[in-house]
């Protein structure tokens, strides 16, 4: 297994670690997480730890693609696993936020439904001997989602100091781009999807 694929697998391994840190019942063990204040905004040390894990995971996403392209290490396995790792990372974080009622569920449902639809399209293409790599709009969607997750973990800092709901706007914009990229994938693979024999 080459280095880019190892980095992708490492990104997947970081997901349950982020979940554990975020969901661990600290109070049950007498642990009180430190709360930091930036103006009137409160940030838990738990959020900051999860943010560090998330940034490391996001960095591996950029790094594995860069290494794969530079050293011609692009593989079918990498094309398959990389978008799955991205989806697992961002979707897991969004579900965690919904579970704590931090964000609304509707944009998350839109993004998850899009991912399921695209994965279905990929399966159909695969059955026809085709491997569909991530498209530009899909990559933009991933970047938007990653920035949104980081802002939510930071309680919308620094925009919260200006009382501007940037994290909420980015969440809905991510859902819109996600939907648009799903349509793009459908248009790219509609011959395979609508094929009748």
Foldseek 3Di string as FASTA:
>chain_A
DDDLVVLLVVLLVLQVVLVCLLPPPQVVVPHDFDWDDDPPDIATVSLVVSLVSLVSSVVSLVVSVVVCVVVVVDDLVCQVRSVVSLCSRLLSLVVSCVVVVNADCVLSVLLVVLVVLLVVLQVLCVVVVDHDGDDPLNVVLSVLSSVLSSCVSVVNPPCVVVVDPPSRVSSNVSSVSSNVVSVVSCVVRVCSVVDDD
